[in-house]
Amino acid sequence: MNSSTVHLLDLPDEMLIEIFNKLSTVDVLNSIWGVNQWLDRLARDARFTHSLDLTAEQSCDERCSMSDVILDRLCSH
């Protein structure tokens, strides 16, 4: 039987942006930032970062600001 495998990096930019838009911005940035230049570029793409919630929920429904590490990464580009 012939099988095929599709890897994340095989997907077109548009499809990845659509996937990213379904997920928490903070989670996506924490997961893909620093993997490679292509994913870093996608993480900064205006289609994904057109609106950012700079807060994150913690236990007990408490809200806190996004980590300084992530903010520094966004502001440095």
PDB file of N, CA and C in Angstrom:
ATOM      1  N   MET A   1       0.838  -1.166   0.000  1.00  0.00           N
ATOM      2  CA  MET A   1       0.000   0.000   0.000  1.00  0.00           C
ATOM      3  C   MET A   1       0.895   1.246   0.000  1.00  0.00           C
ATOM      4  N   ASN A   2       0.471   2.229  -0.716  1.00  0.00           N
ATOM      5  CA  ASN A   2       1.212   3.472  -0.837  1.00  0.00           C
ATOM      6  C   ASN A   2       0.697   4.463   0.204  1.00  0.00           C
ATOM      7  N   SER A   3       1.554   4.961   1.059  1.00  0.00           N
ATOM      8  CA  SER A   3       1.117   5.940   2.056  1.00  0.00           C
ATOM      9  C   SER A   3       1.883   7.242   1.851  1.00  0.00           C
ATOM     10  N   SER A   4       1.243   8.320   2.240  1.00  0.00           N
ATOM     11  CA  SER A   4       1.912   9.610   2.130  1.00  0.00           C
ATOM     12  C   SER A   4       1.817  10.322   3.474  1.00  0.00           C
ATOM     13  N   THR A   5       2.803  11.110   3.743  1.00  0.00           N
ATOM     14  CA  THR A   5       2.859  11.852   4.994  1.00  0.00           C
ATOM     15  C   THR A   5       2.978  13.332   4.674  1.00  0.00           C
ATOM     16  N   VAL A   6       2.175  14.125   5.350  1.00  0.00           N
ATOM     17  CA  VAL A   6       2.248  15.570   5.197  1.00  0.00           C
ATOM     18  C   VAL A   6       2.802  16.131   6.501  1.00  0.00           C
ATOM     19  N   HIS A   7       3.825  16.934   6.384  1.00  0.00           N
ATOM     20  CA  HIS A   7       4.438  17.565   7.544  1.00  0.00           C
ATOM     21  C   HIS A   7       3.950  19.002   7.656  1.00  0.00           C
ATOM     22  N   LEU A   8       3.996  19.530   8.846  1.00  0.00           N
ATOM     23  CA  LEU A   8       3.559  20.901   9.090  1.00  0.00           C
ATOM     24  C   LEU A   8       4.219  21.878   8.125  1.00  0.00           C
ATOM     25  N   LEU A   9       5.504  21.710   7.908  1.00  0.00           N
ATOM     26  CA  LEU A   9       6.235  22.642   7.055  1.00  0.00           C
ATOM     27  C   LEU A   9       5.920  22.470   5.571  1.00  0.00           C
ATOM     28  N   ASP A  10       5.161  21.428   5.218  1.00  0.00           N
ATOM     29  CA  ASP A  10       4.739  21.233   3.833  1.00  0.00           C
ATOM     30  C   ASP A  10       3.496  22.050   3.492  1.00  0.00           C
ATOM     31  N   LEU A  11       2.783  22.523   4.502  1.00  0.00           N
ATOM     32  CA  LEU A  11       1.534  23.244   4.271  1.00  0.00           C
ATOM     33  C   LEU A  11       1.815  24.662   3.780  1.00  0.00           C
ATOM     34  N   PRO A  12       0.929  25.190   2.934  1.00  0.00           N
ATOM     35  CA  PRO A  12       1.119  26.567   2.455  1.00  0.00           C
ATOM     36  C   PRO A  12       0.881  27.576   3.585  1.00  0.00           C
ATOM     37  N   ASP A  13       1.480  28.745   3.451  1.00  0.00           N
ATOM     38  CA  ASP A  13       1.352  29.800   4.461  1.00  0.00           C
ATOM     39  C   ASP A  13      -0.105  30.080   4.816  1.00  0.00           C
ATOM     40  N   GLU A  14      -0.952  30.186   3.806  1.00  0.00           N
ATOM     41  CA  GLU A  14      -2.353  30.534   4.023  1.00  0.00           C
ATOM     42  C   GLU A  14      -3.045  29.515   4.918  1.00  0.00           C
ATOM     43  N   MET A  15      -2.751  28.247   4.734  1.00  0.00           N
ATOM     44  CA  MET A  15      -3.371  27.203   5.540  1.00  0.00           C
ATOM     45  C   MET A  15      -2.872  27.273   6.987  1.00  0.00           C
ATOM     46  N   LEU A  16      -1.589  27.504   7.157  1.00  0.00           N
ATOM     47  CA  LEU A  16      -1.048  27.620   8.513  1.00  0.00           C
ATOM     48  C   LEU A  16      -1.624  28.834   9.238  1.00  0.00           C
ATOM     49  N   ILE A  17      -1.782  29.943   8.538  1.00  0.00           N
ATOM     50  CA  ILE A  17      -2.375  31.133   9.147  1.00  0.00           C
ATOM     51  C   ILE A  17      -3.798  30.826   9.604  1.00  0.00           C
ATOM     52  N   GLU A  18      -4.563  30.123   8.781  1.00  0.00           N
ATOM     53  CA  GLU A  18      -5.930  29.744   9.166  1.00  0.00           C
ATOM     54  C   GLU A  18      -5.924  28.858  10.407  1.00  0.00           C
ATOM     55  N   ILE A  19      -4.999  27.926  10.475  1.00  0.00           N
ATOM     56  CA  ILE A  19      -4.876  27.057  11.653  1.00  0.00           C
ATOM     57  C   ILE A  19      -4.499  27.897  12.867  1.00  0.00           C
ATOM     58  N   PHE A  20      -3.507  28.768  12.714  1.00  0.00           N
ATOM     59  CA  PHE A  20      -3.065  29.614  13.823  1.00  0.00           C
ATOM     60  C   PHE A  20      -4.212  30.478  14.349  1.00  0.00           C
ATOM     61  N   ASN A  21      -5.057  30.969  13.454  1.00  0.00           N
ATOM     62  CA  ASN A  21      -6.163  31.835  13.862  1.00  0.00           C
ATOM     63  C   ASN A  21      -7.196  31.107  14.706  1.00  0.00           C
ATOM     64  N   LYS A  22      -7.210  29.796  14.667  1.00  0.00           N
ATOM     65  CA  LYS A  22      -8.135  28.997  15.484  1.00  0.00           C
ATOM     66  C   LYS A  22      -7.575  28.745  16.881  1.00  0.00           C
ATOM     67  N   LEU A  23      -6.316  29.065  17.092  1.00  0.00           N
ATOM     68  CA  LEU A  23      -5.630  28.771  18.348  1.00  0.00           C
ATOM     69  C   LEU A  23      -5.342  30.049  19.120  1.00  0.00           C
ATOM     70  N   SER A  24      -4.966  29.899  20.351  1.00  0.00           N
ATOM     71  CA  SER A  24      -4.561  31.031  21.180  1.00  0.00           C
ATOM     72  C   SER A  24      -3.277  31.635  20.621  1.00  0.00           C
ATOM     73  N   THR A  25      -3.280  32.941  20.432  1.00  0.00           N
ATOM     74  CA  THR A  25      -2.101  33.627  19.910  1.00  0.00           C
ATOM     75  C   THR A  25      -0.878  33.361  20.779  1.00  0.00           C
ATOM     76  N   VAL A  26      -1.053  33.429  22.081  1.00  0.00           N
ATOM     77  CA  VAL A  26       0.060  33.202  23.003  1.00  0.00           C
ATOM     78  C   VAL A  26       0.606  31.792  22.839  1.00  0.00           C
ATOM     79  N   ASP A  27      -0.279  30.802  22.735  1.00  0.00           N
ATOM     80  CA  ASP A  27       0.169  29.419  22.569  1.00  0.00           C
ATOM     81  C   ASP A  27       0.931  29.230  21.264  1.00  0.00           C
ATOM     82  N   VAL A  28       0.424  29.830  20.194  1.00  0.00           N
ATOM     83  CA  VAL A  28       1.103  29.704  18.901  1.00  0.00           C
ATOM     84  C   VAL A  28       2.481  30.352  18.972  1.00  0.00           C
ATOM     85  N   LEU A  29       2.551  31.561  19.503  1.00  0.00           N
ATOM     86  CA  LEU A  29       3.840  32.250  19.592  1.00  0.00           C
ATOM     87  C   LEU A  29       4.826  31.475  20.452  1.00  0.00           C
ATOM     88  N   ASN A  30       4.354  30.937  21.563  1.00  0.00           N
ATOM     89  CA  ASN A  30       5.234  30.134  22.422  1.00  0.00           C
ATOM     90  C   ASN A  30       5.711  28.868  21.726  1.00  0.00           C
ATOM     91  N   SER A  31       4.879  28.316  20.864  1.00  0.00           N
ATOM     92  CA  SER A  31       5.191  27.034  20.229  1.00  0.00           C
ATOM     93  C   SER A  31       6.086  27.142  19.003  1.00  0.00           C
ATOM     94  N   ILE A  32       5.886  28.176  18.183  1.00  0.00           N
ATOM     95  CA  ILE A  32       6.605  28.202  16.903  1.00  0.00           C
ATOM     96  C   ILE A  32       7.737  29.209  16.839  1.00  0.00           C
ATOM     97  N   TRP A  33       7.733  30.191  17.741  1.00  0.00           N
ATOM     98  CA  TRP A  33       8.761  31.225  17.677  1.00  0.00           C
ATOM     99  C   TRP A  33      10.124  30.621  17.950  1.00  0.00           C
ATOM    100  N   GLY A  34      11.063  30.889  17.077  1.00  0.00           N
ATOM    101  CA  GLY A  34      12.427  30.404  17.258  1.00  0.00           C
ATOM    102  C   GLY A  34      12.706  29.056  16.619  1.00  0.00           C
ATOM    103  N   VAL A  35      11.679  28.429  16.013  1.00  0.00           N
ATOM    104  CA  VAL A  35      11.898  27.135  15.352  1.00  0.00           C
ATOM    105  C   VAL A  35      12.722  27.345  14.095  1.00  0.00           C
ATOM    106  N   ASN A  36      12.279  28.260  13.249  1.00  0.00           N
ATOM    107  CA  ASN A  36      13.036  28.623  12.050  1.00  0.00           C
ATOM    108  C   ASN A  36      12.532  29.978  11.544  1.00  0.00           C
ATOM    109  N   GLN A  37      13.228  30.557  10.579  1.00  0.00           N
ATOM    110  CA  GLN A  37      12.885  31.892  10.093  1.00  0.00           C
ATOM    111  C   GLN A  37      11.521  31.926   9.428  1.00  0.00           C
ATOM    112  N   TRP A  38      11.151  30.859   8.745  1.00  0.00           N
ATOM    113  CA  TRP A  38       9.864  30.814   8.058  1.00  0.00           C
ATOM    114  C   TRP A  38       8.718  30.889   9.068  1.00  0.00           C
ATOM    115  N   LEU A  39       8.778  30.098  10.146  1.00  0.00           N
ATOM    116  CA  LEU A  39       7.719  30.132  11.153  1.00  0.00           C
ATOM    117  C   LEU A  39       7.734  31.449  11.929  1.00  0.00           C
ATOM    118  N   ASP A  40       8.902  32.018  12.150  1.00  0.00           N
ATOM    119  CA  ASP A  40       8.975  33.336  12.793  1.00  0.00           C
ATOM    120  C   ASP A  40       8.261  34.379  11.938  1.00  0.00           C
ATOM    121  N   ARG A  41       8.481  34.319  10.633  1.00  0.00           N
ATOM    122  CA  ARG A  41       7.822  35.266   9.718  1.00  0.00           C
ATOM    123  C   ARG A  41       6.307  35.074   9.761  1.00  0.00           C
ATOM    124  N   LEU A  42       5.853  33.826   9.774  1.00  0.00           N
ATOM    125  CA  LEU A  42       4.415  33.562   9.844  1.00  0.00           C
ATOM    126  C   LEU A  42       3.821  34.059  11.160  1.00  0.00           C
ATOM    127  N   ALA A  43       4.567  33.895  12.239  1.00  0.00           N
ATOM    128  CA  ALA A  43       4.083  34.333  13.548  1.00  0.00           C
ATOM    129  C   ALA A  43       3.890  35.846  13.592  1.00  0.00           C
ATOM    130  N   ARG A  44       4.627  36.582  12.778  1.00  0.00           N
ATOM    131  CA  ARG A  44       4.509  38.044  12.731  1.00  0.00           C
ATOM    132  C   ARG A  44       3.577  38.516  11.619  1.00  0.00           C
ATOM    133  N   ASP A  45       3.036  37.605  10.847  1.00  0.00           N
ATOM    134  CA  ASP A  45       2.171  37.957   9.725  1.00  0.00           C
ATOM    135  C   ASP A  45       0.932  38.707  10.223  1.00  0.00           C
ATOM    136  N   ALA A  46       0.593  39.797   9.556  1.00  0.00           N
ATOM    137  CA  ALA A  46      -0.544  40.628   9.958  1.00  0.00           C
ATOM    138  C   ALA A  46      -1.861  39.857   9.920  1.00  0.00           C
ATOM    139  N   ARG A  47      -1.967  38.842   9.076  1.00  0.00           N
ATOM    140  CA  ARG A  47      -3.202  38.054   9.033  1.00  0.00           C
ATOM    141  C   ARG A  47      -3.399  37.268  10.326  1.00  0.00           C
ATOM    142  N   PHE A  48      -2.314  36.989  11.018  1.00  0.00           N
ATOM    143  CA  PHE A  48      -2.392  36.265  12.283  1.00  0.00           C
ATOM    144  C   PHE A  48      -2.369  37.218  13.467  1.00  0.00           C
ATOM    145  N   THR A  49      -1.584  38.252  13.385  1.00  0.00           N
ATOM    146  CA  THR A  49      -1.416  39.159  14.524  1.00  0.00           C
ATOM    147  C   THR A  49      -2.222  40.442  14.383  1.00  0.00           C
ATOM    148  N   HIS A  50      -3.275  40.430  13.545  1.00  0.00           N
ATOM    149  CA  HIS A  50      -4.067  41.644  13.349  1.00  0.00           C
ATOM    150  C   HIS A  50      -4.711  42.116  14.649  1.00  0.00           C
ATOM    151  N   SER A  51      -4.979  41.207  15.553  1.00  0.00           N
ATOM    152  CA  SER A  51      -5.433  41.598  16.889  1.00  0.00           C
ATOM    153  C   SER A  51      -4.804  40.645  17.888  1.00  0.00           C
ATOM    154  N   LEU A  52      -4.208  41.211  18.895  1.00  0.00           N
ATOM    155  CA  LEU A  52      -3.538  40.412  19.919  1.00  0.00           C
ATOM    156  C   LEU A  52      -4.177  40.665  21.270  1.00  0.00           C
ATOM    157  N   ASP A  53      -4.504  39.589  21.954  1.00  0.00           N
ATOM    158  CA  ASP A  53      -4.947  39.679  23.337  1.00  0.00           C
ATOM    159  C   ASP A  53      -3.685  39.546  24.173  1.00  0.00           C
ATOM    160  N   LEU A  54      -3.259  40.615  24.766  1.00  0.00           N
ATOM    161  CA  LEU A  54      -1.999  40.614  25.502  1.00  0.00           C
ATOM    162  C   LEU A  54      -2.170  40.168  26.950  1.00  0.00           C
ATOM    163  N   THR A  55      -3.265  39.468  27.200  1.00  0.00           N
ATOM    164  CA  THR A  55      -3.471  38.879  28.518  1.00  0.00           C
ATOM    165  C   THR A  55      -3.633  37.379  28.363  1.00  0.00           C
ATOM    166  N   ALA A  56      -3.435  36.676  29.435  1.00  0.00           N
ATOM    167  CA  ALA A  56      -3.596  35.223  29.431  1.00  0.00           C
ATOM    168  C   ALA A  56      -4.362  34.825  30.680  1.00  0.00           C
ATOM    169  N   GLU A  57      -5.184  33.800  30.556  1.00  0.00           N
ATOM    170  CA  GLU A  57      -5.928  33.326  31.711  1.00  0.00           C
ATOM    171  C   GLU A  57      -5.081  32.353  32.504  1.00  0.00           C
ATOM    172  N   GLN A  58      -5.147  32.508  33.812  1.00  0.00           N
ATOM    173  CA  GLN A  58      -4.491  31.564  34.695  1.00  0.00           C
ATOM    174  C   GLN A  58      -5.579  30.812  35.440  1.00  0.00           C
ATOM    175  N   SER A  59      -5.177  29.954  36.334  1.00  0.00           N
ATOM    176  CA  SER A  59      -6.159  29.211  37.112  1.00  0.00           C
ATOM    177  C   SER A  59      -7.069  30.180  37.864  1.00  0.00           C
ATOM    178  N   CYS A  60      -8.247  29.731  38.183  1.00  0.00           N
ATOM    179  CA  CYS A  60      -9.249  30.528  38.908  1.00  0.00           C
ATOM    180  C   CYS A  60      -9.714  31.724  38.084  1.00  0.00           C
ATOM    181  N   ASP A  61      -9.660  31.620  36.773  1.00  0.00           N
ATOM    182  CA  ASP A  61     -10.124  32.678  35.864  1.00  0.00           C
ATOM    183  C   ASP A  61      -9.438  34.022  36.098  1.00  0.00           C
ATOM    184  N   GLU A  62      -8.244  33.984  36.601  1.00  0.00           N
ATOM    185  CA  GLU A  62      -7.459  35.193  36.815  1.00  0.00           C
ATOM    186  C   GLU A  62      -6.757  35.560  35.513  1.00  0.00           C
ATOM    187  N   ARG A  63      -6.678  36.846  35.212  1.00  0.00           N
ATOM    188  CA  ARG A  63      -6.011  37.273  33.981  1.00  0.00           C
ATOM    189  C   ARG A  63      -4.704  37.960  34.338  1.00  0.00           C
ATOM    190  N   CYS A  64      -3.693  37.730  33.513  1.00  0.00           N
ATOM    191  CA  CYS A  64      -2.399  38.372  33.721  1.00  0.00           C
ATOM    192  C   CYS A  64      -1.863  38.797  32.364  1.00  0.00           C
ATOM    193  N   SER A  65      -0.861  39.642  32.361  1.00  0.00           N
ATOM    194  CA  SER A  65      -0.318  40.116  31.090  1.00  0.00           C
ATOM    195  C   SER A  65       0.562  39.052  30.449  1.00  0.00           C
ATOM    196  N   MET A  66       0.692  39.154  29.138  1.00  0.00           N
ATOM    197  CA  MET A  66       1.534  38.232  28.386  1.00  0.00           C
ATOM    198  C   MET A  66       2.968  38.349  28.889  1.00  0.00           C
ATOM    199  N   SER A  67       3.678  37.269  28.813  1.00  0.00           N
ATOM    200  CA  SER A  67       5.042  37.270  29.343  1.00  0.00           C
ATOM    201  C   SER A  67       5.914  38.306  28.633  1.00  0.00           C
ATOM    202  N   ASP A  68       6.846  38.862  29.386  1.00  0.00           N
ATOM    203  CA  ASP A  68       7.770  39.852  28.833  1.00  0.00           C
ATOM    204  C   ASP A  68       8.597  39.275  27.693  1.00  0.00           C
ATOM    205  N   VAL A  69       8.881  37.984  27.750  1.00  0.00           N
ATOM    206  CA  VAL A  69       9.666  37.336  26.697  1.00  0.00           C
ATOM    207  C   VAL A  69       8.938  37.440  25.365  1.00  0.00           C
ATOM    208  N   ILE A  70       7.653  37.140  25.356  1.00  0.00           N
ATOM    209  CA  ILE A  70       6.876  37.206  24.114  1.00  0.00           C
ATOM    210  C   ILE A  70       6.760  38.653  23.643  1.00  0.00           C
ATOM    211  N   LEU A  71       6.472  39.557  24.555  1.00  0.00           N
ATOM    212  CA  LEU A  71       6.370  40.966  24.163  1.00  0.00           C
ATOM    213  C   LEU A  71       7.678  41.480  23.585  1.00  0.00           C
ATOM    214  N   ASP A  72       8.788  41.107  24.191  1.00  0.00           N
ATOM    215  CA  ASP A  72      10.098  41.511  23.667  1.00  0.00           C
ATOM    216  C   ASP A  72      10.312  40.974  22.261  1.00  0.00           C
ATOM    217  N   ARG A  73       9.913  39.735  22.009  1.00  0.00           N
ATOM    218  CA  ARG A  73      10.070  39.141  20.674  1.00  0.00           C
ATOM    219  C   ARG A  73       9.254  39.902  19.650  1.00  0.00           C
ATOM    220  N   LEU A  74       8.004  40.223  19.999  1.00  0.00           N
ATOM    221  CA  LEU A  74       7.139  40.939  19.064  1.00  0.00           C
ATOM    222  C   LEU A  74       7.665  42.341  18.783  1.00  0.00           C
ATOM    223  N   CYS A  75       8.112  43.015  19.805  1.00  0.00           N
ATOM    224  CA  CYS A  75       8.557  44.402  19.657  1.00  0.00           C
ATOM    225  C   CYS A  75       9.920  44.526  18.992  1.00  0.00           C
ATOM    226  N   SER A  76      10.690  43.464  18.993  1.00  0.00           N
ATOM    227  CA  SER A  76      12.034  43.549  18.421  1.00  0.00           C
ATOM    228  C   SER A  76      12.033  43.381  16.906  1.00  0.00           C
ATOM    229  N   HIS A  77      10.882  43.089  16.297  1.00  0.00           N
ATOM    230  CA  HIS A  77      10.850  42.863  14.850  1.00  0.00           C
ATOM    231  C   HIS A  77      10.046  43.915  14.176  1.00  0.00           C
TER     232      HIS A  77
END
